[in-house]
Amino acid sequence: MAVLYISEYAGTQFQGGNVVSPAQELALADQTVAIGAGSAQSAAFTNKTNVVRLSTDGQSCCIAFGTNPTATATNKRMPANSTEYFGVQPGWKVANITIA
């Protein structure tokens, strides 16, 4: 089973869309969501989360963010075995769907 790993962080500062201070460990929360043929959502991010670290294992996926996101094959793509950081809002979720 392919998995999207999610770590949530607070305290990261942005200026002009660029990170000016990195996320500080320890993560506020860690989650996993299965990557499959249908869109699957995470739990809502904590009320302090403003950055998430997403990491895929052996499966590429597309992701979408929001209060009730549905991922489709036309959303932002994450290649297999990749890691990226995204600025988010507290209470948002991330959804993913496999890329055929």
Protein backbone atom coordinates (compact mmCIF):
# COMPACT_ATOMS: atom_id res chain seq x y z
CA MET A 1 0.00 0.00 0.00
CA ALA A 2 1.38 3.40 -1.00
CA VAL A 3 1.33 6.10 1.68
CA LEU A 4 1.48 9.90 1.87
CA TYR A 5 3.30 10.93 5.07
CA ILE A 6 2.30 14.28 6.61
CA SER A 7 4.15 16.23 9.32
CA GLU A 8 2.67 19.48 10.66
CA TYR A 9 4.70 22.47 11.88
CA ALA A 10 4.13 25.90 13.43
CA GLY A 11 6.24 29.01 13.70
CA THR A 12 7.55 29.12 10.16
CA GLN A 13 7.68 32.65 8.81
CA PHE A 14 7.19 33.68 5.19
CA GLN A 15 8.18 36.84 3.36
CA GLY A 16 7.17 37.37 -0.25
CA GLY A 17 6.22 33.71 -0.54
CA ASN A 18 9.66 32.53 0.64
CA VAL A 19 10.44 30.78 3.91
CA VAL A 20 12.58 33.06 6.10
CA SER A 21 12.75 30.70 9.08
CA PRO A 22 12.54 26.92 8.78
CA ALA A 23 10.02 24.67 10.50
CA GLN A 24 11.23 23.74 13.95
CA GLU A 25 11.13 20.14 15.15
CA LEU A 26 9.30 18.55 16.90
CA ALA A 27 6.33 18.25 14.58
CA LEU A 28 2.96 19.25 16.03
CA ALA A 29 1.40 16.13 14.51
CA ASP A 30 2.18 13.32 12.11
CA GLN A 31 -0.36 11.58 9.90
CA THR A 32 -0.46 9.06 7.08
CA VAL A 33 -3.03 8.76 4.31
CA ALA A 34 -3.22 5.86 1.87
CA ILE A 35 -2.59 6.75 -1.78
CA GLY A 36 -5.25 5.10 -3.91
CA ALA A 37 -7.52 5.33 -6.93
CA GLY A 38 -10.04 7.56 -5.10
CA SER A 39 -9.41 10.89 -3.42
CA ALA A 40 -8.50 10.42 0.27
CA GLN A 41 -8.29 13.25 2.85
CA SER A 42 -6.11 13.73 5.89
CA ALA A 43 -7.48 14.78 9.25
CA ALA A 44 -7.74 18.55 9.77
CA PHE A 45 -4.42 20.24 10.59
CA THR A 46 -3.97 21.57 14.14
CA ASN A 47 -4.93 25.13 15.04
CA LYS A 48 -1.20 26.06 15.07
CA THR A 49 -0.13 24.40 11.80
CA ASN A 50 1.11 26.74 9.07
CA VAL A 51 3.51 24.40 7.21
CA VAL A 52 3.26 20.74 6.28
CA ARG A 53 5.95 18.37 5.07
CA LEU A 54 4.57 15.82 2.61
CA SER A 55 6.52 12.74 1.65
CA THR A 56 5.47 10.00 -0.76
CA ASP A 57 6.74 6.48 -0.75
CA GLY A 58 6.79 4.34 -3.91
CA GLN A 59 3.73 5.90 -5.63
CA SER A 60 3.23 9.23 -7.41
CA CYS A 61 0.11 11.18 -6.46
CA CYS A 62 -1.73 14.44 -7.04
CA ILE A 63 -2.61 16.60 -4.03
CA ALA A 64 -5.10 19.35 -3.17
CA PHE A 65 -5.48 21.50 -0.05
CA GLY A 66 -8.47 23.17 1.58
CA THR A 67 -11.20 22.73 4.17
CA ASN A 68 -12.78 19.85 2.22
CA PRO A 69 -10.44 19.10 -0.71
CA THR A 70 -10.96 16.50 -3.42
CA ALA A 71 -7.81 15.55 -5.31
CA THR A 72 -7.98 14.94 -9.05
CA ALA A 73 -5.41 13.89 -11.63
CA THR A 74 -5.09 17.55 -12.74
CA ASN A 75 -3.94 18.84 -9.31
CA LYS A 76 -0.38 19.46 -8.13
CA ARG A 77 1.76 16.34 -8.70
CA MET A 78 4.15 14.74 -6.23
CA PRO A 79 6.51 12.16 -7.74
CA ALA A 80 7.15 8.84 -6.02
CA ASN A 81 9.76 8.99 -3.24
CA SER A 82 9.65 12.79 -3.00
CA THR A 83 9.34 15.30 -0.16
CA GLU A 84 7.97 18.85 -0.31
CA TYR A 85 6.95 21.58 2.14
CA PHE A 86 3.77 23.64 1.75
CA GLY A 87 2.39 26.67 3.57
CA VAL A 88 -1.15 25.94 4.81
CA GLN A 89 -3.90 27.32 7.02
CA PRO A 90 -4.89 25.81 10.39
CA GLY A 91 -7.86 23.47 9.98
CA TRP A 92 -7.13 22.70 6.33
CA LYS A 93 -6.70 19.14 5.07
CA VAL A 94 -4.74 17.61 2.22
CA ALA A 95 -6.29 15.12 -0.21
CA ASN A 96 -4.43 12.82 -2.57
CA ILE A 97 -5.15 10.49 -5.46
CA THR A 98 -2.84 8.12 -7.32
CA ILE A 99 -1.56 8.96 -10.78
CA ALA A 100 -2.25 6.18 -13.25
